[in-house]
Amino acid sequence: MINQESIILQDIIINWEHYCIEDNFIGIGSTRKAFRVSNYVIKVNLHSLGHEQSKIEQEIYREMVKRGYDELFAQVYYTDKNIAVQRFYEPMELIQNQSYEIDPVKHGHLILENYSDVFHMLDTEFDSFDLKDSSNYGLTHENKLIFIDYGMTKKLYENEWVPLAEAGILPQIDFDYCRVCGEEKEIRIYGDDDTDKRCYACGKQ
């Protein structure tokens, strides 16, 4: 018997372009753009590197299910060359319009019991990159941290992301004043020669 969740997921997968509208937009990175649909997130690939990240997330999630640590990870239901579909969790709030480093002491009340073990596994076994940045976490209904963006590896970052960013193909994130809205926030910069300092809200994709 096909359950209701399967029907919803199938609809999202088939009709994803219908759902990926500005009203559903929740965030953008250098390689993927995210939209919320009910209890799910559609991550749209902006570059083939985004697809690689989604595949890694799916592999990590499946492995963590086997090891009994899946409660610390947003479930990945589906991925292809265009999109990934993941369980939605409320993202961490920005501080002064920017992300910040998760501190095991400062944020200890948000951390699940197995967090340290999982962090070590991701770092040593899965070559995971940027594990402390708050933008990679969401919050469960119990107000506990959960990984929502965990597909970038150190190798992928160094060998593929960095050359693409230096070439101005992928955006780097700078913290500066947007020339349009005037707010000091995260600005998307394409290479060293990009002087167009605008935030996403002011049209800088």
Protein backbone atom coordinates (compact mmCIF):
# COMPACT_ATOMS: atom_id res chain seq x y z
CA MET A 1 0.00 0.00 0.00
CA ILE A 2 1.27 3.47 -0.91
CA ASN A 3 1.10 5.82 2.09
CA GLN A 4 0.34 9.52 2.04
CA GLU A 5 3.97 10.54 2.47
CA SER A 6 4.97 8.52 -0.59
CA ILE A 7 2.27 10.24 -2.64
CA ILE A 8 3.44 13.69 -1.52
CA LEU A 9 7.08 12.87 -2.24
CA GLN A 10 6.26 11.49 -5.67
CA ASP A 11 4.37 14.68 -6.49
CA ILE A 12 7.25 16.86 -5.31
CA ILE A 13 9.78 14.87 -7.33
CA ILE A 14 7.71 14.95 -10.52
CA ASN A 15 6.49 18.55 -10.22
CA TRP A 16 9.46 20.13 -8.44
CA GLU A 17 9.66 23.12 -10.81
CA HIS A 18 6.08 24.04 -9.88
CA TYR A 19 7.06 24.29 -6.21
CA CYS A 20 10.38 26.10 -6.63
CA ILE A 21 9.00 29.63 -6.60
CA GLU A 22 10.12 32.70 -4.69
CA ASP A 23 7.33 32.33 -2.11
CA ASN A 24 8.84 28.98 -1.08
CA PHE A 25 12.49 30.13 -1.13
CA ILE A 26 14.39 29.51 2.13
CA GLY A 27 18.07 29.75 1.26
CA ILE A 28 20.87 29.72 -1.27
CA GLY A 29 24.45 28.50 -1.26
CA SER A 30 27.15 28.53 -3.91
CA THR A 31 25.95 25.31 -5.58
CA ARG A 32 22.31 24.78 -4.49
CA LYS A 33 19.15 26.79 -3.87
CA ALA A 34 16.56 25.58 -1.34
CA PHE A 35 12.78 25.77 -1.32
CA ARG A 36 10.39 24.53 1.37
CA VAL A 37 7.32 22.46 0.51
CA SER A 38 5.38 21.40 3.63
CA ASN A 39 7.77 19.22 5.67
CA TYR A 40 10.29 18.89 2.85
CA VAL A 41 13.11 20.85 1.24
CA ILE A 42 13.83 20.81 -2.47
CA LYS A 43 17.50 21.57 -3.09
CA VAL A 44 17.91 22.71 -6.69
CA ASN A 45 21.37 22.26 -8.16
CA LEU A 46 22.90 25.49 -9.46
CA HIS A 47 26.03 23.61 -10.53
CA SER A 48 26.96 19.95 -11.01
CA LEU A 49 28.94 20.21 -7.78
CA GLY A 50 25.59 20.57 -6.00
CA HIS A 51 24.57 17.17 -7.33
CA GLU A 52 27.78 15.68 -5.96
CA GLN A 53 27.03 17.16 -2.53
CA SER A 54 23.50 15.75 -2.56
CA LYS A 55 24.75 12.28 -3.50
CA ILE A 56 27.25 12.39 -0.64
CA GLU A 57 24.50 13.47 1.76
CA GLN A 58 22.36 10.54 0.68
CA GLU A 59 25.28 8.12 1.14
CA ILE A 60 26.09 9.51 4.58
CA TYR A 61 22.47 9.37 5.69
CA ARG A 62 22.13 5.73 4.63
CA GLU A 63 25.32 4.83 6.46
CA MET A 64 24.19 6.66 9.60
CA VAL A 65 20.91 4.73 9.53
CA LYS A 66 22.96 1.51 9.61
CA ARG A 67 25.01 2.82 12.53
CA GLY A 68 22.01 4.12 14.46
CA TYR A 69 22.94 7.80 14.29
CA ASP A 70 20.35 8.99 11.77
CA GLU A 71 18.55 11.14 14.36
CA LEU A 72 21.34 13.69 13.87
CA PHE A 73 20.77 14.02 10.11
CA ALA A 74 18.01 15.38 7.92
CA GLN A 75 16.77 12.48 5.84
CA VAL A 76 17.54 12.55 2.11
CA TYR A 77 14.64 10.96 0.21
CA TYR A 78 15.72 11.49 -3.38
CA THR A 79 18.44 12.96 -5.54
CA ASP A 80 19.06 13.34 -9.27
CA LYS A 81 21.03 15.72 -11.52
CA ASN A 82 18.50 18.52 -10.94
CA ILE A 83 17.33 18.26 -7.34
CA ALA A 84 17.49 16.57 -3.96
CA VAL A 85 14.52 16.21 -1.60
CA GLN A 86 15.21 16.28 2.11
CA ARG A 87 13.29 16.53 5.38
CA PHE A 88 12.79 20.16 6.47
CA TYR A 89 14.09 21.50 9.77
CA GLU A 90 14.09 25.08 10.96
CA PRO A 91 17.47 26.63 10.09
CA MET A 92 19.63 28.26 12.74
CA GLU A 93 19.05 31.98 13.05
CA LEU A 94 21.74 34.29 11.78
CA ILE A 95 23.56 36.60 14.17
CA GLN A 96 24.00 40.11 12.74
CA ASN A 97 23.06 38.76 9.30
CA GLN A 98 25.74 36.07 9.21
CA SER A 99 26.36 32.48 10.23
CA TYR A 100 28.68 31.55 13.10
CA GLU A 101 30.63 28.65 14.54
CA ILE A 102 28.84 26.04 16.63
CA ASP A 103 30.56 25.76 20.00
CA PRO A 104 30.05 22.51 21.99
CA VAL A 105 30.13 24.46 25.25
CA LYS A 106 28.14 27.55 24.29
CA HIS A 107 25.56 25.49 22.40
CA GLY A 108 25.72 22.45 24.66
CA HIS A 109 21.99 22.66 25.45
CA LEU A 110 21.26 22.11 21.74
CA ILE A 111 23.55 19.14 21.24
CA LEU A 112 22.39 15.52 21.27
CA GLU A 113 24.30 12.91 23.27
CA ASN A 114 26.03 11.29 20.27
CA TYR A 115 27.04 14.55 18.60
CA SER A 116 30.76 14.29 19.45
CA ASP A 117 31.00 10.75 18.12
CA VAL A 118 29.20 11.68 14.91
CA PHE A 119 31.29 14.83 14.45
CA HIS A 120 34.46 12.72 14.74
CA MET A 121 33.13 10.18 12.21
CA LEU A 122 32.24 12.86 9.71
CA ASP A 123 35.64 14.49 10.10
CA THR A 124 37.80 11.37 9.92
CA GLU A 125 35.81 8.77 7.96
CA PHE A 126 33.76 10.87 5.57
CA ASP A 127 36.21 13.76 5.01
CA SER A 128 33.40 16.25 5.78
CA PHE A 129 34.13 19.96 5.46
CA ASP A 130 32.91 23.00 7.41
CA LEU A 131 31.23 20.99 10.15
CA LYS A 132 31.04 23.84 12.66
CA ASP A 133 29.26 26.46 10.56
CA SER A 134 25.74 27.17 11.84
CA SER A 135 24.38 27.34 8.29
CA ASN A 136 24.83 23.57 8.05
CA TYR A 137 22.46 22.88 10.95
CA GLY A 138 18.75 22.95 11.65
CA LEU A 139 16.72 22.49 14.82
CA THR A 140 14.40 19.59 15.60
CA HIS A 141 11.03 19.97 17.36
CA GLU A 142 12.92 19.16 20.57
CA ASN A 143 15.23 22.14 19.88
CA LYS A 144 18.26 19.97 19.18
CA LEU A 145 20.86 20.39 16.44
CA ILE A 146 20.57 18.30 13.29
CA PHE A 147 22.79 18.29 10.20
CA ILE A 148 20.90 19.63 7.18
CA ASP A 149 23.81 20.42 4.83
CA TYR A 150 26.53 17.79 5.09
CA GLY A 151 27.61 16.89 1.58
CA MET A 152 30.77 18.94 1.12
CA THR A 153 34.04 17.10 1.66
CA LYS A 154 37.52 18.54 2.13
CA LYS A 155 38.64 16.91 -1.12
CA LEU A 156 35.67 18.26 -3.05
CA TYR A 157 36.22 21.71 -1.56
CA GLU A 158 39.95 21.89 -2.30
CA ASN A 159 40.00 20.18 -5.70
CA GLU A 160 36.76 21.47 -7.23
CA TRP A 161 35.06 24.25 -5.27
CA VAL A 162 38.12 26.46 -4.69
CA PRO A 163 39.26 26.51 -8.37
CA LEU A 164 35.69 27.26 -9.51
CA ALA A 165 35.35 30.06 -6.95
CA GLU A 166 38.72 31.55 -7.87
CA ALA A 167 37.66 31.50 -11.51
CA GLY A 168 34.48 33.39 -10.67
CA ILE A 169 32.21 30.51 -11.66
CA LEU A 170 30.93 29.83 -8.14
CA PRO A 171 30.24 32.62 -5.65
CA GLN A 172 32.20 33.15 -2.48
CA ILE A 173 30.46 34.67 0.52
CA ASP A 174 31.76 37.99 1.83
CA PHE A 175 30.36 40.08 4.69
CA ASP A 176 29.91 43.66 3.57
CA TYR A 177 27.36 46.41 2.97
CA CYS A 178 24.92 45.76 0.13
CA ARG A 179 25.05 48.68 -2.30
CA VAL A 180 21.27 48.52 -2.83
CA CYS A 181 19.63 47.96 0.58
CA GLY A 182 22.58 49.33 2.54
CA GLU A 183 22.49 46.51 5.10
CA GLU A 184 25.66 44.81 6.28
CA LYS A 185 25.12 41.15 5.41
CA GLU A 186 26.38 38.19 3.41
CA ILE A 187 27.28 39.28 -0.15
CA ARG A 188 27.79 36.92 -3.09
CA ILE A 189 31.09 37.61 -4.87
CA TYR A 190 32.18 35.97 -8.12
CA GLY A 191 35.99 36.17 -8.24
CA ASP A 192 38.39 38.88 -7.09
CA ASP A 193 37.28 41.34 -9.77
CA ASP A 194 33.57 41.29 -8.88
CA THR A 195 32.67 44.74 -7.54
CA ASP A 196 28.89 44.24 -7.67
CA LYS A 197 28.22 44.15 -3.93
CA ARG A 198 24.60 43.10 -3.67
CA CYS A 199 22.89 40.57 -1.42
CA TYR A 200 20.55 37.86 -2.66
CA ALA A 201 17.48 39.86 -1.60
CA CYS A 202 18.62 42.66 -3.91
CA GLY A 203 18.99 40.38 -6.91
CA LYS A 204 22.51 38.91 -6.68
CA GLN A 205 22.15 35.22 -7.54
